[in-house]
Amino acid sequence: MKRPATRRSYAARIEKVVEHLASHLDQPLTLEHLAGIGHFSPFHFHRIYRGLMGETVAGTLRRMRLHRAAAELVHGRRTLESIARRCGYGSSAAFNRAFAHSYGMPPGEFRRRRGGPVEPPPCPAPSDPEDSRMYDAKDVKIETLPPRDVAALRHQGDYLEIGTAFEKLFAWAAGRGLDPARQRSFGIYYDDPESKPAADLVSDACIEIQPGMELDGGPRHITIAGGRHAVFIHTGPYAELERAYRWLFGEWLPASGEEAADAPVVEEYLNDPRSLPPTEWQTAICVPLK
């Protein structure tokens, strides 16, 4: 009975976050603060939220604010410009487009329905059924991984562009007598890519080194923590990894009886993408567990 209980626990904790959002629509909210309300690790909160809710935190806020705006249009006296600003839009035109997309008509026309019931915009589906058909919980292994000493090169920006950082790291390694093809390589990803603009995402391209190796400029030394991890091996292009993440955090983790630890996700690249077609690329997604 542990697994269903865990799913209910996840849902109840996300519900607390949603209640907090609803009562703080006009206040600045950080993902770290919301993660604390739901008792989730900040590294994994947004992926779990998105997996269970079917939308980002920003998407939920947008829906809630539009619902409040709809009620004000029907029952209140605020001007359209005032309602748009309160809803978080910098211009009436942007508000008009967003409102019409959610309610099927511009706000001015909606206002003329004074007195009618106001329904919230529809919620998106919480998960993609195709994800469940593609993956099997039996393929996720709980393993105790050893710590790894790595040379890490920071990448800021779209995760799919981290390859440039790896190329620089491999060139650095080759210049110091290391064979990049023989060294284990890892990526550390600190954010959910849907939680912020791509330009603000932070990750590290890593290559394994011997403990105590001197790093003379360029990369920095990091020890990737060992311990219990959920390990899922994805086969295919890196651009398709997001679907595996969505299933892991939206389906597998809430039903697993496990809790994610307060550490980032690590990917290990199990074969050389330069010598194989994308359909054969293998990536071990390693989710730290308590």
C-alpha atoms as a PDB file:
ATOM      1  CA  MET A   1       0.000   0.000   0.000  1.00  0.00           C
ATOM      2  CA  LYS A   2       3.023   2.248   0.153  1.00  0.00           C
ATOM      3  CA  ARG A   3       2.928   3.339  -3.480  1.00  0.00           C
ATOM      4  CA  PRO A   4      -0.704   4.564  -3.651  1.00  0.00           C
ATOM      5  CA  ALA A   5      -0.160   6.335  -0.325  1.00  0.00           C
ATOM      6  CA  THR A   6       2.879   8.094  -1.776  1.00  0.00           C
ATOM      7  CA  ARG A   7       0.915   9.273  -4.812  1.00  0.00           C
ATOM      8  CA  ARG A   8      -1.780  10.663  -2.520  1.00  0.00           C
ATOM      9  CA  SER A   9       0.900  12.375  -0.446  1.00  0.00           C
ATOM     10  CA  TYR A  10       2.414  13.996  -3.535  1.00  0.00           C
ATOM     11  CA  ALA A  11      -1.025  15.163  -4.661  1.00  0.00           C
ATOM     12  CA  ALA A  12      -1.845  16.604  -1.230  1.00  0.00           C
ATOM     13  CA  ARG A  13       1.457  18.498  -1.104  1.00  0.00           C
ATOM     14  CA  ILE A  14       0.928  19.920  -4.590  1.00  0.00           C
ATOM     15  CA  GLU A  15      -2.583  20.938  -3.503  1.00  0.00           C
ATOM     16  CA  LYS A  16      -1.026  22.994  -0.683  1.00  0.00           C
ATOM     17  CA  VAL A  17       1.146  24.757  -3.232  1.00  0.00           C
ATOM     18  CA  VAL A  18      -1.870  25.496  -5.432  1.00  0.00           C
ATOM     19  CA  GLU A  19      -3.781  26.876  -2.436  1.00  0.00           C
ATOM     20  CA  HIS A  20      -0.821  29.128  -1.652  1.00  0.00           C
ATOM     21  CA  LEU A  21      -0.715  30.361  -5.240  1.00  0.00           C
ATOM     22  CA  ALA A  22      -4.441  31.147  -5.144  1.00  0.00           C
ATOM     23  CA  SER A  23      -4.083  33.252  -1.997  1.00  0.00           C
ATOM     24  CA  HIS A  24      -0.955  35.118  -3.181  1.00  0.00           C
ATOM     25  CA  LEU A  25      -1.772  36.028  -6.774  1.00  0.00           C
ATOM     26  CA  ASP A  26      -0.305  39.529  -6.485  1.00  0.00           C
ATOM     27  CA  GLN A  27       2.822  38.647  -4.515  1.00  0.00           C
ATOM     28  CA  PRO A  28       6.246  37.633  -5.866  1.00  0.00           C
ATOM     29  CA  LEU A  29       6.725  33.887  -5.466  1.00  0.00           C
ATOM     30  CA  THR A  30       9.911  31.902  -5.968  1.00  0.00           C
ATOM     31  CA  LEU A  31      10.103  28.225  -6.872  1.00  0.00           C
ATOM     32  CA  GLU A  32      12.310  27.671  -3.817  1.00  0.00           C
ATOM     33  CA  HIS A  33       9.599  29.084  -1.558  1.00  0.00           C
ATOM     34  CA  LEU A  34       6.878  27.013  -3.207  1.00  0.00           C
ATOM     35  CA  ALA A  35       9.032  23.881  -2.970  1.00  0.00           C
ATOM     36  CA  GLY A  36       9.300  24.483   0.774  1.00  0.00           C
ATOM     37  CA  ILE A  37       5.521  24.760   1.106  1.00  0.00           C
ATOM     38  CA  GLY A  38       5.123  21.364  -0.573  1.00  0.00           C
ATOM     39  CA  HIS A  39       8.144  19.855   1.215  1.00  0.00           C
ATOM     40  CA  PHE A  40       9.884  19.046  -2.070  1.00  0.00           C
ATOM     41  CA  SER A  41      13.521  19.439  -3.034  1.00  0.00           C
ATOM     42  CA  PRO A  42      13.942  22.691  -5.008  1.00  0.00           C
ATOM     43  CA  PHE A  43      15.900  20.720  -7.617  1.00  0.00           C
ATOM     44  CA  HIS A  44      12.883  18.541  -8.467  1.00  0.00           C
ATOM     45  CA  PHE A  45       9.797  20.461  -7.346  1.00  0.00           C
ATOM     46  CA  HIS A  46       8.938  22.039 -10.673  1.00  0.00           C
ATOM     47  CA  ARG A  47       9.261  18.787 -12.638  1.00  0.00           C
ATOM     48  CA  ILE A  48       6.975  17.042 -10.145  1.00  0.00           C
ATOM     49  CA  TYR A  49       4.520  19.941 -10.207  1.00  0.00           C
ATOM     50  CA  ARG A  50       4.465  20.001 -13.994  1.00  0.00           C
ATOM     51  CA  GLY A  51       4.092  16.225 -14.163  1.00  0.00           C
ATOM     52  CA  LEU A  52       1.110  16.134 -11.798  1.00  0.00           C
ATOM     53  CA  MET A  53      -0.572  19.380 -12.879  1.00  0.00           C
ATOM     54  CA  GLY A  54       0.085  19.203 -16.607  1.00  0.00           C
ATOM     55  CA  GLU A  55       1.370  22.796 -16.645  1.00  0.00           C
ATOM     56  CA  THR A  56       4.085  25.001 -15.208  1.00  0.00           C
ATOM     57  CA  VAL A  57       3.684  27.065 -12.048  1.00  0.00           C
ATOM     58  CA  ALA A  58       3.586  30.125 -14.302  1.00  0.00           C
ATOM     59  CA  GLY A  59       0.781  28.497 -16.273  1.00  0.00           C
ATOM     60  CA  THR A  60      -1.262  27.904 -13.120  1.00  0.00           C
ATOM     61  CA  LEU A  61      -0.761  31.518 -12.025  1.00  0.00           C
ATOM     62  CA  ARG A  62      -1.838  32.710 -15.461  1.00  0.00           C
ATOM     63  CA  ARG A  63      -5.045  30.651 -15.319  1.00  0.00           C
ATOM     64  CA  MET A  64      -5.865  31.837 -11.808  1.00  0.00           C
ATOM     65  CA  ARG A  65      -5.293  35.478 -12.662  1.00  0.00           C
ATOM     66  CA  LEU A  66      -7.396  35.198 -15.819  1.00  0.00           C
ATOM     67  CA  HIS A  67     -10.201  33.616 -13.783  1.00  0.00           C
ATOM     68  CA  ARG A  68     -10.066  36.505 -11.319  1.00  0.00           C
ATOM     69  CA  ALA A  69     -10.025  38.918 -14.259  1.00  0.00           C
ATOM     70  CA  ALA A  70     -13.126  37.249 -15.709  1.00  0.00           C
ATOM     71  CA  ALA A  71     -14.954  37.657 -12.405  1.00  0.00           C
ATOM     72  CA  GLU A  72     -13.947  41.322 -12.218  1.00  0.00           C
ATOM     73  CA  LEU A  73     -15.153  41.908 -15.760  1.00  0.00           C
ATOM     74  CA  VAL A  74     -18.573  40.471 -14.967  1.00  0.00           C
ATOM     75  CA  HIS A  75     -19.080  41.686 -11.401  1.00  0.00           C
ATOM     76  CA  GLY A  76     -16.611  44.554 -10.856  1.00  0.00           C
ATOM     77  CA  ARG A  77     -16.040  48.123 -11.959  1.00  0.00           C
ATOM     78  CA  ARG A  78     -12.316  48.165 -12.760  1.00  0.00           C
ATOM     79  CA  THR A  79     -11.256  49.394 -16.193  1.00  0.00           C
ATOM     80  CA  LEU A  80      -9.852  46.934 -18.723  1.00  0.00           C
ATOM     81  CA  GLU A  81      -6.442  48.585 -18.353  1.00  0.00           C
ATOM     82  CA  SER A  82      -6.530  48.166 -14.561  1.00  0.00           C
ATOM     83  CA  ILE A  83      -7.594  44.529 -14.826  1.00  0.00           C
ATOM     84  CA  ALA A  84      -4.834  43.851 -17.370  1.00  0.00           C
ATOM     85  CA  ARG A  85      -2.172  45.321 -15.062  1.00  0.00           C
ATOM     86  CA  ARG A  86      -3.509  43.394 -12.054  1.00  0.00           C
ATOM     87  CA  CYS A  87      -3.392  40.247 -14.165  1.00  0.00           C
ATOM     88  CA  GLY A  88       0.318  40.816 -14.815  1.00  0.00           C
ATOM     89  CA  TYR A  89       0.170  41.988 -18.430  1.00  0.00           C
ATOM     90  CA  GLY A  90       2.168  44.990 -19.541  1.00  0.00           C
ATOM     91  CA  SER A  91      -0.310  45.995 -22.229  1.00  0.00           C
ATOM     92  CA  SER A  92      -4.029  45.730 -22.862  1.00  0.00           C
ATOM     93  CA  ALA A  93      -3.319  44.079 -26.216  1.00  0.00           C
ATOM     94  CA  ALA A  94      -1.396  41.209 -24.577  1.00  0.00           C
ATOM     95  CA  PHE A  95      -4.156  40.780 -21.989  1.00  0.00           C
ATOM     96  CA  ASN A  96      -6.827  40.796 -24.688  1.00  0.00           C
ATOM     97  CA  ARG A  97      -5.046  38.035 -26.610  1.00  0.00           C
ATOM     98  CA  ALA A  98      -4.520  35.868 -23.529  1.00  0.00           C
ATOM     99  CA  PHE A  99      -8.085  36.342 -22.324  1.00  0.00           C
ATOM    100  CA  ALA A 100      -9.598  35.597 -25.730  1.00  0.00           C
ATOM    101  CA  HIS A 101      -7.446  32.453 -25.995  1.00  0.00           C
ATOM    102  CA  SER A 102      -8.786  31.172 -22.643  1.00  0.00           C
ATOM    103  CA  TYR A 103     -12.412  32.340 -22.820  1.00  0.00           C
ATOM    104  CA  GLY A 104     -13.088  32.378 -26.552  1.00  0.00           C
ATOM    105  CA  MET A 105     -13.902  36.094 -26.735  1.00  0.00           C
ATOM    106  CA  PRO A 106     -12.175  39.411 -25.971  1.00  0.00           C
ATOM    107  CA  PRO A 107     -12.630  40.869 -22.470  1.00  0.00           C
ATOM    108  CA  GLY A 108     -14.848  43.725 -23.653  1.00  0.00           C
ATOM    109  CA  GLU A 109     -17.350  41.293 -25.110  1.00  0.00           C
ATOM    110  CA  PHE A 110     -17.107  39.059 -22.038  1.00  0.00           C
ATOM    111  CA  ARG A 111     -17.923  42.054 -19.806  1.00  0.00           C
ATOM    112  CA  ARG A 112     -21.243  42.548 -21.564  1.00  0.00           C
ATOM    113  CA  ARG A 113     -22.341  39.180 -20.103  1.00  0.00           C
ATOM    114  CA  ARG A 114     -22.748  40.821 -16.677  1.00  0.00           C
ATOM    115  CA  GLY A 115     -24.389  38.633 -14.084  1.00  0.00           C
ATOM    116  CA  GLY A 116     -23.614  35.256 -15.659  1.00  0.00           C
ATOM    117  CA  PRO A 117     -21.554  32.513 -13.981  1.00  0.00           C
ATOM    118  CA  VAL A 118     -17.786  32.704 -14.400  1.00  0.00           C
ATOM    119  CA  GLU A 119     -15.988  29.410 -14.934  1.00  0.00           C
ATOM    120  CA  PRO A 120     -12.189  29.111 -14.664  1.00  0.00           C
ATOM    121  CA  PRO A 121     -10.192  28.401 -17.819  1.00  0.00           C
ATOM    122  CA  PRO A 122      -9.880  24.658 -18.435  1.00  0.00           C
ATOM    123  CA  CYS A 123      -7.005  22.821 -16.781  1.00  0.00           C
ATOM    124  CA  PRO A 124      -4.614  20.967 -19.077  1.00  0.00           C
ATOM    125  CA  ALA A 125      -4.360  17.184 -18.935  1.00  0.00           C
ATOM    126  CA  PRO A 126      -1.884  16.194 -16.179  1.00  0.00           C
ATOM    127  CA  SER A 127       0.045  13.698 -18.300  1.00  0.00           C
ATOM    128  CA  ASP A 128       0.465  12.417 -21.807  1.00  0.00           C
ATOM    129  CA  PRO A 129      -0.965   8.860 -22.100  1.00  0.00           C
ATOM    130  CA  GLU A 130       1.629   8.144 -24.772  1.00  0.00           C
ATOM    131  CA  ASP A 131       4.392   8.540 -22.182  1.00  0.00           C
ATOM    132  CA  SER A 132       2.901   5.755 -20.061  1.00  0.00           C
ATOM    133  CA  ARG A 133       2.748   3.460 -23.074  1.00  0.00           C
ATOM    134  CA  MET A 134       6.377   4.167 -24.003  1.00  0.00           C
ATOM    135  CA  TYR A 135       7.964   3.424 -20.630  1.00  0.00           C
ATOM    136  CA  ASP A 136       7.750   0.666 -18.033  1.00  0.00           C
ATOM    137  CA  ALA A 137       8.351   1.109 -14.299  1.00  0.00           C
ATOM    138  CA  LYS A 138      10.325  -2.171 -14.308  1.00  0.00           C
ATOM    139  CA  ASP A 139      13.012  -0.400 -16.356  1.00  0.00           C
ATOM    140  CA  VAL A 140      13.805   1.990 -13.493  1.00  0.00           C
ATOM    141  CA  LYS A 141      16.455   0.477 -11.220  1.00  0.00           C
ATOM    142  CA  ILE A 142      17.228   1.607  -7.678  1.00  0.00           C
ATOM    143  CA  GLU A 143      21.021   1.589  -7.440  1.00  0.00           C
ATOM    144  CA  THR A 144      23.616   2.774  -4.951  1.00  0.00           C
ATOM    145  CA  LEU A 145      26.095   4.766  -7.001  1.00  0.00           C
ATOM    146  CA  PRO A 146      29.638   5.648  -5.916  1.00  0.00           C
ATOM    147  CA  PRO A 147      30.754   9.278  -5.728  1.00  0.00           C
ATOM    148  CA  ARG A 148      32.549  10.519  -8.859  1.00  0.00           C
ATOM    149  CA  ASP A 149      35.351  13.060  -9.103  1.00  0.00           C
ATOM    150  CA  VAL A 150      34.868  15.071 -12.271  1.00  0.00           C
ATOM    151  CA  ALA A 151      36.223  18.086 -14.092  1.00  0.00           C
ATOM    152  CA  ALA A 152      33.224  20.330 -14.768  1.00  0.00           C
ATOM    153  CA  LEU A 153      32.706  23.130 -17.247  1.00  0.00           C
ATOM    154  CA  ARG A 154      29.731  25.404 -16.613  1.00  0.00           C
ATOM    155  CA  HIS A 155      27.122  25.909 -19.340  1.00  0.00           C
ATOM    156  CA  GLN A 156      24.431  28.570 -19.118  1.00  0.00           C
ATOM    157  CA  GLY A 157      21.638  28.402 -21.655  1.00  0.00           C
ATOM    158  CA  ASP A 158      19.529  25.848 -23.495  1.00  0.00           C
ATOM    159  CA  TYR A 159      20.364  22.340 -22.274  1.00  0.00           C
ATOM    160  CA  LEU A 160      20.402  21.043 -25.851  1.00  0.00           C
ATOM    161  CA  GLU A 161      23.373  23.344 -26.528  1.00  0.00           C
ATOM    162  CA  ILE A 162      25.580  21.894 -23.781  1.00  0.00           C
ATOM    163  CA  GLY A 163      27.471  19.999 -26.497  1.00  0.00           C
ATOM    164  CA  THR A 164      29.713  23.047 -27.020  1.00  0.00           C
ATOM    165  CA  ALA A 165      30.823  22.868 -23.380  1.00  0.00           C
ATOM    166  CA  PHE A 166      31.559  19.148 -23.788  1.00  0.00           C
ATOM    167  CA  GLU A 167      33.684  19.806 -26.884  1.00  0.00           C
ATOM    168  CA  LYS A 168      35.734  22.366 -24.944  1.00  0.00           C
ATOM    169  CA  LEU A 169      36.040  19.947 -22.034  1.00  0.00           C
ATOM    170  CA  PHE A 170      37.180  17.093 -24.294  1.00  0.00           C
ATOM    171  CA  ALA A 171      39.786  19.357 -25.892  1.00  0.00           C
ATOM    172  CA  TRP A 172      41.044  20.300 -22.425  1.00  0.00           C
ATOM    173  CA  ALA A 173      41.214  16.621 -21.424  1.00  0.00           C
ATOM    174  CA  ALA A 174      43.077  15.600 -24.587  1.00  0.00           C
ATOM    175  CA  GLY A 175      45.651  18.309 -23.931  1.00  0.00           C
ATOM    176  CA  ARG A 176      46.386  16.705 -20.565  1.00  0.00           C
ATOM    177  CA  GLY A 177      46.808  13.172 -21.800  1.00  0.00           C
ATOM    178  CA  LEU A 178      43.270  11.986 -21.115  1.00  0.00           C
ATOM    179  CA  ASP A 179      41.389  10.075 -23.786  1.00  0.00           C
ATOM    180  CA  PRO A 180      37.858  11.562 -23.854  1.00  0.00           C
ATOM    181  CA  ALA A 181      36.538   8.374 -25.484  1.00  0.00           C
ATOM    182  CA  ARG A 182      37.663   6.356 -22.440  1.00  0.00           C
ATOM    183  CA  GLN A 183      36.589   8.795 -19.709  1.00  0.00           C
ATOM    184  CA  ARG A 184      33.090   8.606 -18.298  1.00  0.00           C
ATOM    185  CA  SER A 185      31.122  11.758 -19.062  1.00  0.00           C
ATOM    186  CA  PHE A 186      28.219  13.265 -17.148  1.00  0.00           C
ATOM    187  CA  GLY A 187      25.848  16.213 -17.308  1.00  0.00           C
ATOM    188  CA  ILE A 188      24.508  17.889 -14.165  1.00  0.00           C
ATOM    189  CA  TYR A 189      21.231  19.770 -14.668  1.00  0.00           C
ATOM    190  CA  TYR A 190      20.133  22.184 -11.957  1.00  0.00           C
ATOM    191  CA  ASP A 191      16.764  23.343 -13.309  1.00  0.00           C
ATOM    192  CA  ASP A 192      13.598  22.124 -14.958  1.00  0.00           C
ATOM    193  CA  PRO A 193      13.934  23.571 -18.486  1.00  0.00           C
ATOM    194  CA  GLU A 194      10.281  24.691 -18.326  1.00  0.00           C
ATOM    195  CA  SER A 195      10.799  26.638 -15.094  1.00  0.00           C
ATOM    196  CA  LYS A 196      12.663  29.641 -16.521  1.00  0.00           C
ATOM    197  CA  PRO A 197      13.869  31.179 -19.800  1.00  0.00           C
ATOM    198  CA  ALA A 198      16.378  29.003 -21.653  1.00  0.00           C
ATOM    199  CA  ALA A 199      19.058  31.696 -21.305  1.00  0.00           C
ATOM    200  CA  ASP A 200      18.906  31.330 -17.491  1.00  0.00           C
ATOM    201  CA  LEU A 201      19.276  27.541 -17.316  1.00  0.00           C
ATOM    202  CA  VAL A 202      22.410  26.259 -15.588  1.00  0.00           C
ATOM    203  CA  SER A 203      24.188  22.945 -16.145  1.00  0.00           C
ATOM    204  CA  ASP A 204      27.669  21.400 -15.968  1.00  0.00           C
ATOM    205  CA  ALA A 205      29.430  19.312 -18.596  1.00  0.00           C
ATOM    206  CA  CYS A 206      31.633  16.818 -16.724  1.00  0.00           C
ATOM    207  CA  ILE A 207      34.330  14.240 -17.407  1.00  0.00           C
ATOM    208  CA  GLU A 208      35.623  11.799 -14.788  1.00  0.00           C
ATOM    209  CA  ILE A 209      39.104  12.398 -13.383  1.00  0.00           C
ATOM    210  CA  GLN A 210      41.299  10.786 -10.762  1.00  0.00           C
ATOM    211  CA  PRO A 211      40.811  12.088  -7.196  1.00  0.00           C
ATOM    212  CA  GLY A 212      43.340  14.807  -6.431  1.00  0.00           C
ATOM    213  CA  MET A 213      44.149  15.554 -10.077  1.00  0.00           C
ATOM    214  CA  GLU A 214      45.338  19.127 -10.513  1.00  0.00           C
ATOM    215  CA  LEU A 215      43.116  21.223 -12.776  1.00  0.00           C
ATOM    216  CA  ASP A 216      45.252  23.993 -14.242  1.00  0.00           C
ATOM    217  CA  GLY A 217      42.615  26.390 -15.462  1.00  0.00           C
ATOM    218  CA  GLY A 218      39.391  25.914 -17.383  1.00  0.00           C
ATOM    219  CA  PRO A 219      37.150  23.385 -15.622  1.00  0.00           C
ATOM    220  CA  ARG A 220      36.662  23.122 -11.865  1.00  0.00           C
ATOM    221  CA  HIS A 221      36.679  20.071  -9.640  1.00  0.00           C
ATOM    222  CA  ILE A 222      33.290  18.655  -8.538  1.00  0.00           C
ATOM    223  CA  THR A 223      32.460  15.486  -6.650  1.00  0.00           C
ATOM    224  CA  ILE A 224      29.161  14.051  -7.855  1.00  0.00           C
ATOM    225  CA  ALA A 225      27.541  12.638  -4.738  1.00  0.00           C
ATOM    226  CA  GLY A 226      26.919   8.916  -4.598  1.00  0.00           C
ATOM    227  CA  GLY A 227      24.124   7.138  -2.782  1.00  0.00           C
ATOM    228  CA  ARG A 228      20.709   5.795  -3.735  1.00  0.00           C
ATOM    229  CA  HIS A 229      19.501   6.764  -7.181  1.00  0.00           C
ATOM    230  CA  ALA A 230      16.692   5.848  -9.519  1.00  0.00           C
ATOM    231  CA  VAL A 231      18.424   5.025 -12.785  1.00  0.00           C
ATOM    232  CA  PHE A 232      16.585   4.910 -16.094  1.00  0.00           C
ATOM    233  CA  ILE A 233      18.420   4.299 -19.370  1.00  0.00           C
ATOM    234  CA  HIS A 234      16.999   6.205 -22.309  1.00  0.00           C
ATOM    235  CA  THR A 235      17.905   5.129 -25.845  1.00  0.00           C
ATOM    236  CA  GLY A 236      17.511   7.719 -28.568  1.00  0.00           C
ATOM    237  CA  PRO A 237      18.286  11.345 -29.425  1.00  0.00           C
ATOM    238  CA  TYR A 238      18.982  13.734 -26.587  1.00  0.00           C
ATOM    239  CA  ALA A 239      16.121  15.920 -27.840  1.00  0.00           C
ATOM    240  CA  GLU A 240      13.712  13.156 -26.748  1.00  0.00           C
ATOM    241  CA  LEU A 241      14.955  13.024 -23.150  1.00  0.00           C
ATOM    242  CA  GLU A 242      12.306  15.496 -21.989  1.00  0.00           C
ATOM    243  CA  ARG A 243       9.591  12.905 -22.562  1.00  0.00           C
ATOM    244  CA  ALA A 244      11.440  10.444 -20.299  1.00  0.00           C
ATOM    245  CA  TYR A 245      11.821  13.128 -17.626  1.00  0.00           C
ATOM    246  CA  ARG A 246       8.120  13.939 -17.832  1.00  0.00           C
ATOM    247  CA  TRP A 247       7.242  10.299 -17.245  1.00  0.00           C
ATOM    248  CA  LEU A 248       9.794   9.827 -14.459  1.00  0.00           C
ATOM    249  CA  PHE A 249       8.646  12.818 -12.417  1.00  0.00           C
ATOM    250  CA  GLY A 250       4.966  12.835 -13.349  1.00  0.00           C
ATOM    251  CA  GLU A 251       4.244   9.096 -13.284  1.00  0.00           C
ATOM    252  CA  TRP A 252       7.009   6.927 -11.895  1.00  0.00           C
ATOM    253  CA  LEU A 253       8.221   8.944  -8.902  1.00  0.00           C
ATOM    254  CA  PRO A 254       4.798   9.708  -7.332  1.00  0.00           C
ATOM    255  CA  ALA A 255       3.859   6.023  -7.652  1.00  0.00           C
ATOM    256  CA  SER A 256       7.213   4.609  -6.579  1.00  0.00           C
ATOM    257  CA  GLY A 257       7.127   5.042  -2.815  1.00  0.00           C
ATOM    258  CA  GLU A 258      10.325   7.084  -3.142  1.00  0.00           C
ATOM    259  CA  GLU A 259      11.269  10.703  -2.441  1.00  0.00           C
ATOM    260  CA  ALA A 260      13.790  12.655  -4.491  1.00  0.00           C
ATOM    261  CA  ALA A 261      16.797  13.833  -2.476  1.00  0.00           C
ATOM    262  CA  ASP A 262      17.976  17.436  -2.367  1.00  0.00           C
ATOM    263  CA  ALA A 263      20.507  17.138  -5.187  1.00  0.00           C
ATOM    264  CA  PRO A 264      20.304  17.718  -8.939  1.00  0.00           C
ATOM    265  CA  VAL A 265      19.631  15.154 -11.631  1.00  0.00           C
ATOM    266  CA  VAL A 266      22.749  13.696 -13.255  1.00  0.00           C
ATOM    267  CA  GLU A 267      22.918  12.191 -16.728  1.00  0.00           C
ATOM    268  CA  GLU A 268      25.652   9.744 -17.715  1.00  0.00           C
ATOM    269  CA  TYR A 269      26.329   9.328 -21.428  1.00  0.00           C
ATOM    270  CA  LEU A 270      26.967   5.636 -21.934  1.00  0.00           C
ATOM    271  CA  ASN A 271      28.250   5.661 -25.505  1.00  0.00           C
ATOM    272  CA  ASP A 272      29.910   8.032 -27.954  1.00  0.00           C
ATOM    273  CA  PRO A 273      27.397  10.151 -29.912  1.00  0.00           C
ATOM    274  CA  ARG A 274      30.115  11.053 -32.411  1.00  0.00           C
ATOM    275  CA  SER A 275      30.407   7.469 -33.635  1.00  0.00           C
ATOM    276  CA  LEU A 276      26.773   6.303 -33.467  1.00  0.00           C
ATOM    277  CA  PRO A 277      23.465   7.418 -35.003  1.00  0.00           C
ATOM    278  CA  PRO A 278      21.124   9.327 -32.639  1.00  0.00           C
ATOM    279  CA  THR A 279      18.742   6.350 -32.413  1.00  0.00           C
ATOM    280  CA  GLU A 280      21.483   4.425 -30.554  1.00  0.00           C
ATOM    281  CA  TRP A 281      22.587   7.095 -28.086  1.00  0.00           C
ATOM    282  CA  GLN A 282      22.204   5.845 -24.509  1.00  0.00           C
ATOM    283  CA  THR A 283      21.720   8.150 -21.549  1.00  0.00           C
ATOM    284  CA  ALA A 284      21.391   7.045 -17.918  1.00  0.00           C
ATOM    285  CA  ILE A 285      19.101   9.502 -16.108  1.00  0.00           C
ATOM    286  CA  CYS A 286      20.069   9.333 -12.421  1.00  0.00           C
ATOM    287  CA  VAL A 287      17.592  10.812  -9.928  1.00  0.00           C
ATOM    288  CA  PRO A 288      18.988  11.040  -6.369  1.00  0.00           C
ATOM    289  CA  LEU A 289      16.757   9.478  -3.718  1.00  0.00           C
ATOM    290  CA  LYS A 290      16.450   9.870   0.032  1.00  0.00           C
END
